[in-house]
Amino acid sequence: MPMERAVVKPSIAIYVSPHSGQEGKLRELRAGMEEEGIPHTVAAGEGDAGALACQGAASSALGVGVGVGPGAVCVHFQKLPPGKPLFMLKDPAPAALRVLGGNAARLVKGTPFRGPGDEPAAAAATTPAAEQLVAEIVQQVLRKIQEGQGR
């Protein structure tokens, strides 16, 4: 009888050193990754954020690891030397964590990173200026249809 192997889905590995506040950090990191469409796994670990991220990158089939510690959050890529993470944030705000999670996913996808103040494309498209522009275009089209030019 052949043995079945467990299928390991390629994902970003998030290693967390248990501490208070970890759930909020994880929620924002995961949201950023989900917005980019990249899967992730979460496991408990020991050490600082840099060591956890390096461990995650080594265990991830995608080569990207995130370490979550009490005072910092770190993203590491397996092709970088240990101790030289790609991103390290000390005591990050929730919005920064979402961007960091998205940037870890963008590393996998090979797309440009977002900066701390950058909005996701979907949010940027719904700014008041964009809504006003769309409303003006719709009004112009409706006028042309009324005048018989829209056929």
N, C-alpha and C. Protein backbone atom coordinates (compact mmCIF):
# COMPACT_ATOMS: atom_id res chain seq x y z
N MET A 1 0.84 -1.17 0.00
CA MET A 1 0.00 0.00 0.00
C MET A 1 0.89 1.25 0.00
N PRO A 2 0.70 2.16 -0.96
CA PRO A 2 1.55 3.36 -1.03
C PRO A 2 1.23 4.32 0.12
N MET A 3 2.26 4.98 0.60
CA MET A 3 2.07 5.96 1.67
C MET A 3 1.63 7.28 1.06
N GLU A 4 0.71 7.93 1.73
CA GLU A 4 0.27 9.25 1.28
C GLU A 4 1.14 10.31 1.91
N ARG A 5 1.47 11.33 1.13
CA ARG A 5 2.24 12.45 1.65
C ARG A 5 1.32 13.63 1.88
N ALA A 6 1.59 14.35 2.92
CA ALA A 6 0.83 15.56 3.18
C ALA A 6 1.28 16.62 2.17
N VAL A 7 0.33 17.27 1.56
CA VAL A 7 0.65 18.32 0.61
C VAL A 7 0.88 19.61 1.37
N VAL A 8 2.04 20.20 1.18
CA VAL A 8 2.37 21.46 1.83
C VAL A 8 2.12 22.57 0.83
N LYS A 9 1.15 23.41 1.15
CA LYS A 9 0.80 24.52 0.27
C LYS A 9 1.86 25.62 0.40
N PRO A 10 2.40 26.09 -0.71
CA PRO A 10 3.36 27.19 -0.63
C PRO A 10 2.72 28.40 0.03
N SER A 11 3.41 28.95 1.02
CA SER A 11 2.86 30.08 1.76
C SER A 11 3.98 30.84 2.45
N ILE A 12 3.65 32.06 2.87
CA ILE A 12 4.56 32.83 3.70
C ILE A 12 4.47 32.26 5.11
N ALA A 13 5.60 32.01 5.74
CA ALA A 13 5.61 31.46 7.10
C ALA A 13 5.74 32.60 8.11
N ILE A 14 4.75 32.71 8.98
CA ILE A 14 4.76 33.71 10.04
C ILE A 14 5.08 32.97 11.34
N TYR A 15 6.18 33.37 11.99
CA TYR A 15 6.56 32.79 13.28
C TYR A 15 6.34 33.85 14.35
N VAL A 16 5.64 33.45 15.41
CA VAL A 16 5.25 34.38 16.47
C VAL A 16 5.82 33.94 17.81
N SER A 17 6.47 34.87 18.49
CA SER A 17 6.87 34.65 19.87
C SER A 17 5.68 35.06 20.71
N PRO A 18 5.06 34.12 21.45
CA PRO A 18 3.84 34.45 22.19
C PRO A 18 4.03 35.65 23.13
N HIS A 19 3.10 36.61 23.02
CA HIS A 19 3.12 37.81 23.85
C HIS A 19 1.75 38.49 23.78
N SER A 20 1.50 39.40 24.70
CA SER A 20 0.23 40.12 24.66
C SER A 20 0.24 41.06 23.45
N GLY A 21 -0.88 41.16 22.79
CA GLY A 21 -0.99 42.01 21.61
C GLY A 21 -0.69 41.30 20.30
N GLN A 22 -0.32 40.03 20.36
CA GLN A 22 0.04 39.32 19.13
C GLN A 22 -1.14 39.15 18.19
N GLU A 23 -2.33 38.96 18.71
CA GLU A 23 -3.50 38.74 17.85
C GLU A 23 -3.78 39.94 16.96
N GLY A 24 -3.69 41.15 17.53
CA GLY A 24 -3.90 42.36 16.73
C GLY A 24 -2.85 42.50 15.64
N LYS A 25 -1.60 42.20 15.97
CA LYS A 25 -0.53 42.27 14.97
C LYS A 25 -0.77 41.27 13.85
N LEU A 26 -1.11 40.04 14.24
CA LEU A 26 -1.37 39.00 13.24
C LEU A 26 -2.55 39.36 12.34
N ARG A 27 -3.59 39.93 12.92
CA ARG A 27 -4.79 40.30 12.14
C ARG A 27 -4.40 41.27 11.01
N GLU A 28 -3.60 42.28 11.34
CA GLU A 28 -3.22 43.27 10.33
C GLU A 28 -2.24 42.70 9.30
N LEU A 29 -1.26 41.93 9.76
CA LEU A 29 -0.32 41.30 8.82
C LEU A 29 -1.06 40.39 7.83
N ARG A 30 -1.95 39.57 8.36
CA ARG A 30 -2.70 38.63 7.52
C ARG A 30 -3.59 39.37 6.53
N ALA A 31 -4.20 40.47 6.98
CA ALA A 31 -5.07 41.25 6.09
C ALA A 31 -4.26 41.78 4.91
N GLY A 32 -3.05 42.26 5.16
CA GLY A 32 -2.20 42.75 4.08
C GLY A 32 -1.84 41.66 3.09
N MET A 33 -1.57 40.46 3.59
CA MET A 33 -1.24 39.33 2.71
C MET A 33 -2.46 38.88 1.92
N GLU A 34 -3.61 38.85 2.59
CA GLU A 34 -4.84 38.43 1.91
C GLU A 34 -5.24 39.42 0.82
N GLU A 35 -5.01 40.71 1.05
CA GLU A 35 -5.30 41.72 0.02
C GLU A 35 -4.48 41.48 -1.23
N GLU A 36 -3.30 40.92 -1.07
CA GLU A 36 -2.43 40.62 -2.21
C GLU A 36 -2.64 39.21 -2.75
N GLY A 37 -3.46 38.41 -2.06
CA GLY A 37 -3.79 37.07 -2.55
C GLY A 37 -2.73 36.02 -2.32
N ILE A 38 -1.90 36.20 -1.32
CA ILE A 38 -0.84 35.22 -1.04
C ILE A 38 -1.16 34.51 0.28
N PRO A 39 -1.14 33.18 0.30
CA PRO A 39 -1.45 32.43 1.52
C PRO A 39 -0.32 32.51 2.55
N HIS A 40 -0.67 32.23 3.79
CA HIS A 40 0.29 32.26 4.88
C HIS A 40 -0.04 31.18 5.90
N THR A 41 0.96 30.83 6.67
CA THR A 41 0.77 29.91 7.79
C THR A 41 1.34 30.59 9.03
N VAL A 42 0.82 30.22 10.19
CA VAL A 42 1.28 30.81 11.45
C VAL A 42 1.75 29.69 12.37
N ALA A 43 2.90 29.91 13.00
CA ALA A 43 3.44 28.94 13.96
C ALA A 43 4.08 29.69 15.11
N ALA A 44 4.11 29.05 16.27
CA ALA A 44 4.77 29.63 17.43
C ALA A 44 6.26 29.38 17.34
N GLY A 45 7.03 30.32 17.83
CA GLY A 45 8.48 30.19 17.83
C GLY A 45 9.08 30.91 19.01
N GLU A 46 10.38 30.83 19.15
CA GLU A 46 11.08 31.51 20.22
C GLU A 46 12.21 32.34 19.64
N GLY A 47 12.42 33.51 20.24
CA GLY A 47 13.49 34.38 19.79
C GLY A 47 12.95 35.75 19.44
N ASP A 48 13.84 36.61 18.95
CA ASP A 48 13.41 37.95 18.56
C ASP A 48 12.81 37.92 17.16
N ALA A 49 12.24 39.03 16.73
CA ALA A 49 11.54 39.10 15.44
C ALA A 49 12.46 38.74 14.28
N GLY A 50 13.71 39.18 14.33
CA GLY A 50 14.64 38.89 13.25
C GLY A 50 14.93 37.41 13.11
N ALA A 51 15.18 36.74 14.24
CA ALA A 51 15.46 35.30 14.22
C ALA A 51 14.23 34.53 13.77
N LEU A 52 13.05 34.95 14.22
CA LEU A 52 11.81 34.28 13.82
C LEU A 52 11.56 34.43 12.32
N ALA A 53 11.81 35.62 11.78
CA ALA A 53 11.61 35.86 10.35
C ALA A 53 12.58 35.02 9.52
N CYS A 54 13.81 34.93 9.98
CA CYS A 54 14.81 34.11 9.27
C CYS A 54 14.40 32.64 9.29
N GLN A 55 13.91 32.18 10.41
CA GLN A 55 13.42 30.80 10.53
C GLN A 55 12.23 30.59 9.59
N GLY A 56 11.33 31.56 9.52
CA GLY A 56 10.18 31.47 8.63
C GLY A 56 10.58 31.41 7.17
N ALA A 57 11.54 32.25 6.78
CA ALA A 57 12.00 32.27 5.39
C ALA A 57 12.62 30.92 5.02
N ALA A 58 13.37 30.33 5.94
CA ALA A 58 14.01 29.04 5.68
C ALA A 58 12.98 27.91 5.54
N SER A 59 11.86 28.02 6.26
CA SER A 59 10.87 26.95 6.22
C SER A 59 9.79 27.16 5.15
N SER A 60 9.72 28.34 4.58
CA SER A 60 8.68 28.66 3.60
C SER A 60 9.08 28.20 2.20
N ALA A 61 8.15 27.54 1.52
CA ALA A 61 8.41 27.15 0.12
C ALA A 61 8.53 28.37 -0.77
N LEU A 62 7.99 29.49 -0.34
CA LEU A 62 8.08 30.74 -1.10
C LEU A 62 9.32 31.55 -0.73
N GLY A 63 10.01 31.15 0.33
CA GLY A 63 11.24 31.83 0.73
C GLY A 63 11.05 33.11 1.49
N VAL A 64 9.83 33.36 1.98
CA VAL A 64 9.55 34.59 2.72
C VAL A 64 9.03 34.24 4.10
N GLY A 65 9.63 34.86 5.12
CA GLY A 65 9.20 34.63 6.48
C GLY A 65 8.96 35.94 7.20
N VAL A 66 8.02 35.91 8.14
CA VAL A 66 7.71 37.07 8.96
C VAL A 66 7.88 36.66 10.41
N GLY A 67 8.59 37.47 11.18
CA GLY A 67 8.76 37.23 12.60
C GLY A 67 8.02 38.29 13.39
N VAL A 68 7.24 37.84 14.38
CA VAL A 68 6.46 38.75 15.22
C VAL A 68 6.91 38.57 16.65
N GLY A 69 7.54 39.60 17.18
CA GLY A 69 7.98 39.59 18.57
C GLY A 69 7.27 40.66 19.37
N PRO A 70 7.53 40.73 20.66
CA PRO A 70 6.85 41.71 21.49
C PRO A 70 7.15 43.16 21.10
N GLY A 71 8.35 43.46 20.62
CA GLY A 71 8.72 44.83 20.32
C GLY A 71 8.96 45.15 18.87
N ALA A 72 8.90 44.14 18.00
CA ALA A 72 9.20 44.38 16.59
C ALA A 72 8.56 43.32 15.71
N VAL A 73 8.46 43.66 14.42
CA VAL A 73 7.98 42.73 13.39
C VAL A 73 8.97 42.83 12.24
N CYS A 74 9.31 41.69 11.66
CA CYS A 74 10.37 41.63 10.68
C CYS A 74 9.97 40.76 9.49
N VAL A 75 10.42 41.13 8.28
CA VAL A 75 10.24 40.32 7.08
C VAL A 75 11.63 39.93 6.58
N HIS A 76 11.80 38.64 6.29
CA HIS A 76 13.09 38.15 5.82
C HIS A 76 12.89 37.34 4.54
N PHE A 77 13.87 37.41 3.64
CA PHE A 77 13.87 36.66 2.39
C PHE A 77 15.01 35.65 2.47
N GLN A 78 14.76 34.41 2.05
CA GLN A 78 15.75 33.34 2.24
C GLN A 78 17.08 33.60 1.54
N LYS A 79 17.11 34.44 0.52
CA LYS A 79 18.36 34.70 -0.20
C LYS A 79 19.21 35.78 0.49
N LEU A 80 18.68 36.38 1.53
CA LEU A 80 19.45 37.37 2.30
C LEU A 80 20.17 36.66 3.43
N PRO A 81 21.31 37.22 3.85
CA PRO A 81 22.03 36.58 4.96
C PRO A 81 21.27 36.72 6.28
N PRO A 82 21.43 35.75 7.17
CA PRO A 82 20.80 35.86 8.49
C PRO A 82 21.24 37.16 9.17
N GLY A 83 20.32 37.78 9.86
CA GLY A 83 20.63 39.04 10.53
C GLY A 83 20.52 40.26 9.64
N LYS A 84 20.18 40.07 8.38
CA LYS A 84 20.03 41.17 7.43
C LYS A 84 18.62 41.11 6.82
N PRO A 85 17.59 41.42 7.62
CA PRO A 85 16.22 41.31 7.12
C PRO A 85 15.90 42.36 6.06
N LEU A 86 14.86 42.10 5.33
CA LEU A 86 14.41 43.04 4.31
C LEU A 86 13.72 44.23 4.97
N PHE A 87 12.82 43.96 5.91
CA PHE A 87 12.11 45.01 6.65
C PHE A 87 12.13 44.69 8.13
N MET A 88 12.27 45.74 8.96
CA MET A 88 12.19 45.59 10.41
C MET A 88 11.48 46.82 10.95
N LEU A 89 10.36 46.60 11.63
CA LEU A 89 9.61 47.70 12.24
C LEU A 89 9.56 47.49 13.75
N LYS A 90 9.94 48.50 14.49
CA LYS A 90 9.87 48.44 15.96
C LYS A 90 8.58 49.10 16.41
N ASP A 91 7.81 48.41 17.21
CA ASP A 91 6.53 48.88 17.73
C ASP A 91 5.65 49.51 16.64
N PRO A 92 5.34 48.75 15.59
CA PRO A 92 4.58 49.31 14.46
C PRO A 92 3.11 49.55 14.77
N ALA A 93 2.55 50.56 14.11
CA ALA A 93 1.12 50.86 14.20
C ALA A 93 0.37 49.84 13.34
N PRO A 94 -0.93 49.65 13.60
CA PRO A 94 -1.71 48.68 12.81
C PRO A 94 -1.64 48.92 11.30
N ALA A 95 -1.72 50.16 10.85
CA ALA A 95 -1.66 50.45 9.41
C ALA A 95 -0.31 50.03 8.82
N ALA A 96 0.76 50.24 9.58
CA ALA A 96 2.09 49.84 9.11
C ALA A 96 2.19 48.32 9.01
N LEU A 97 1.54 47.62 9.94
CA LEU A 97 1.56 46.15 9.90
C LEU A 97 0.84 45.63 8.65
N ARG A 98 -0.26 46.26 8.28
CA ARG A 98 -0.99 45.84 7.08
C ARG A 98 -0.12 46.05 5.84
N VAL A 99 0.56 47.19 5.77
CA VAL A 99 1.46 47.46 4.65
C VAL A 99 2.60 46.44 4.65
N LEU A 100 3.14 46.14 5.83
CA LEU A 100 4.24 45.17 5.93
C LEU A 100 3.79 43.79 5.45
N GLY A 101 2.60 43.35 5.85
CA GLY A 101 2.07 42.07 5.38
C GLY A 101 1.88 42.08 3.87
N GLY A 102 1.36 43.18 3.35
CA GLY A 102 1.20 43.31 1.90
C GLY A 102 2.53 43.28 1.18
N ASN A 103 3.55 43.92 1.76
CA ASN A 103 4.87 43.94 1.13
C ASN A 103 5.53 42.57 1.17
N ALA A 104 5.28 41.80 2.21
CA ALA A 104 5.80 40.42 2.23
C ALA A 104 5.17 39.64 1.07
N ALA A 105 3.89 39.84 0.84
CA ALA A 105 3.21 39.17 -0.28
C ALA A 105 3.71 39.70 -1.62
N ARG A 106 3.97 41.00 -1.69
CA ARG A 106 4.47 41.58 -2.94
C ARG A 106 5.88 41.06 -3.26
N LEU A 107 6.65 40.74 -2.25
CA LEU A 107 7.95 40.14 -2.47
C LEU A 107 7.79 38.82 -3.20
N VAL A 108 6.81 38.04 -2.79
CA VAL A 108 6.53 36.75 -3.45
C VAL A 108 6.10 36.98 -4.89
N LYS A 109 5.23 37.96 -5.10
CA LYS A 109 4.69 38.23 -6.44
C LYS A 109 5.66 38.96 -7.36
N GLY A 110 6.68 39.59 -6.78
CA GLY A 110 7.63 40.35 -7.58
C GLY A 110 7.08 41.70 -8.03
N THR A 111 6.17 42.28 -7.25
CA THR A 111 5.61 43.59 -7.58
C THR A 111 6.22 44.64 -6.66
N PRO A 112 6.17 45.91 -7.05
CA PRO A 112 6.78 46.98 -6.23
C PRO A 112 6.15 47.07 -4.84
N PHE A 113 6.97 47.41 -3.89
CA PHE A 113 6.51 47.55 -2.51
C PHE A 113 5.72 48.84 -2.35
N ARG A 114 4.81 48.83 -1.38
CA ARG A 114 4.07 50.02 -0.99
C ARG A 114 4.84 50.73 0.11
N GLY A 115 4.71 52.05 0.14
CA GLY A 115 5.31 52.84 1.21
C GLY A 115 4.32 52.97 2.35
N PRO A 116 4.74 53.55 3.47
CA PRO A 116 3.87 53.66 4.63
C PRO A 116 2.59 54.46 4.38
N GLY A 117 2.61 55.45 3.51
CA GLY A 117 1.43 56.26 3.26
C GLY A 117 0.64 55.85 2.03
N ASP A 118 1.12 54.86 1.30
CA ASP A 118 0.45 54.43 0.08
C ASP A 118 -0.83 53.69 0.41
N GLU A 119 -1.87 53.97 -0.37
CA GLU A 119 -3.13 53.27 -0.20
C GLU A 119 -3.20 52.14 -1.21
N PRO A 120 -3.92 51.07 -0.89
CA PRO A 120 -4.14 50.04 -1.91
C PRO A 120 -4.89 50.64 -3.09
N ALA A 121 -4.72 50.05 -4.25
CA ALA A 121 -5.34 50.57 -5.48
C ALA A 121 -6.85 50.71 -5.34
N ALA A 122 -7.51 49.78 -4.69
CA ALA A 122 -8.96 49.84 -4.56
C ALA A 122 -9.38 51.04 -3.72
N ALA A 123 -8.65 51.33 -2.66
CA ALA A 123 -8.99 52.46 -1.81
C ALA A 123 -8.69 53.77 -2.53
N ALA A 124 -7.60 53.82 -3.27
CA ALA A 124 -7.23 55.04 -3.98
C ALA A 124 -8.26 55.39 -5.05
N ALA A 125 -8.88 54.40 -5.65
CA ALA A 125 -9.85 54.64 -6.71
C ALA A 125 -11.15 55.23 -6.18
N THR A 126 -11.37 55.19 -4.89
CA THR A 126 -12.62 55.69 -4.34
C THR A 126 -12.44 57.00 -3.59
N THR A 127 -11.41 57.77 -3.92
CA THR A 127 -11.23 59.06 -3.28
C THR A 127 -12.31 60.01 -3.77
N PRO A 128 -12.61 61.07 -3.01
CA PRO A 128 -13.63 62.03 -3.45
C PRO A 128 -13.34 62.63 -4.83
N ALA A 129 -12.08 62.91 -5.13
CA ALA A 129 -11.73 63.48 -6.44
C ALA A 129 -12.06 62.50 -7.56
N ALA A 130 -11.76 61.23 -7.35
CA ALA A 130 -12.06 60.22 -8.37
C ALA A 130 -13.56 60.06 -8.55
N GLU A 131 -14.29 60.07 -7.43
CA GLU A 131 -15.75 59.96 -7.51
C GLU A 131 -16.34 61.15 -8.26
N GLN A 132 -15.81 62.36 -8.02
CA GLN A 132 -16.29 63.55 -8.72
C GLN A 132 -16.02 63.45 -10.21
N LEU A 133 -14.84 62.96 -10.59
CA LEU A 133 -14.49 62.81 -12.00
C LEU A 133 -15.43 61.81 -12.68
N VAL A 134 -15.69 60.71 -12.04
CA VAL A 134 -16.61 59.71 -12.60
C VAL A 134 -18.00 60.30 -12.76
N ALA A 135 -18.46 61.04 -11.76
CA ALA A 135 -19.79 61.66 -11.84
C ALA A 135 -19.88 62.63 -13.02
N GLU A 136 -18.83 63.42 -13.25
CA GLU A 136 -18.81 64.37 -14.37
C GLU A 136 -18.85 63.63 -15.71
N ILE A 137 -18.11 62.55 -15.83
CA ILE A 137 -18.09 61.78 -17.08
C ILE A 137 -19.47 61.17 -17.35
N VAL A 138 -20.09 60.62 -16.30
CA VAL A 138 -21.43 60.04 -16.44
C VAL A 138 -22.42 61.11 -16.90
N GLN A 139 -22.34 62.29 -16.30
CA GLN A 139 -23.24 63.38 -16.69
C GLN A 139 -23.04 63.77 -18.16
N GLN A 140 -21.79 63.83 -18.62
CA GLN A 140 -21.52 64.16 -20.03
C GLN A 140 -22.11 63.10 -20.96
N VAL A 141 -21.95 61.84 -20.60
CA VAL A 141 -22.48 60.75 -21.43
C VAL A 141 -24.01 60.83 -21.49
N LEU A 142 -24.64 61.08 -20.34
CA LEU A 142 -26.10 61.18 -20.30
C LEU A 142 -26.59 62.36 -21.15
N ARG A 143 -25.89 63.50 -21.10
CA ARG A 143 -26.27 64.66 -21.93
C ARG A 143 -26.18 64.31 -23.42
N LYS A 144 -25.13 63.64 -23.82
CA LYS A 144 -24.96 63.26 -25.23
C LYS A 144 -26.04 62.29 -25.67
N ILE A 145 -26.43 61.39 -24.79
CA ILE A 145 -27.52 60.46 -25.12
C ILE A 145 -28.82 61.23 -25.30
N GLN A 146 -29.10 62.20 -24.43
CA GLN A 146 -30.30 63.01 -24.55
C GLN A 146 -30.30 63.82 -25.84
N GLU A 147 -29.14 64.27 -26.25
CA GLU A 147 -29.04 65.09 -27.47
C GLU A 147 -29.03 64.22 -28.73
N GLY A 148 -29.02 62.91 -28.55
CA GLY A 148 -29.01 62.00 -29.69
C GLY A 148 -27.64 61.70 -30.23
N GLN A 149 -26.60 62.05 -29.53
CA GLN A 149 -25.23 61.82 -30.00
C GLN A 149 -24.63 60.51 -29.46
N GLY A 150 -25.33 59.86 -28.58
CA GLY A 150 -24.76 58.68 -27.95
C GLY A 150 -25.12 57.38 -28.63
N ARG A 151 -25.57 57.42 -29.89
CA ARG A 151 -25.98 56.18 -30.56
C ARG A 151 -24.86 55.50 -31.25
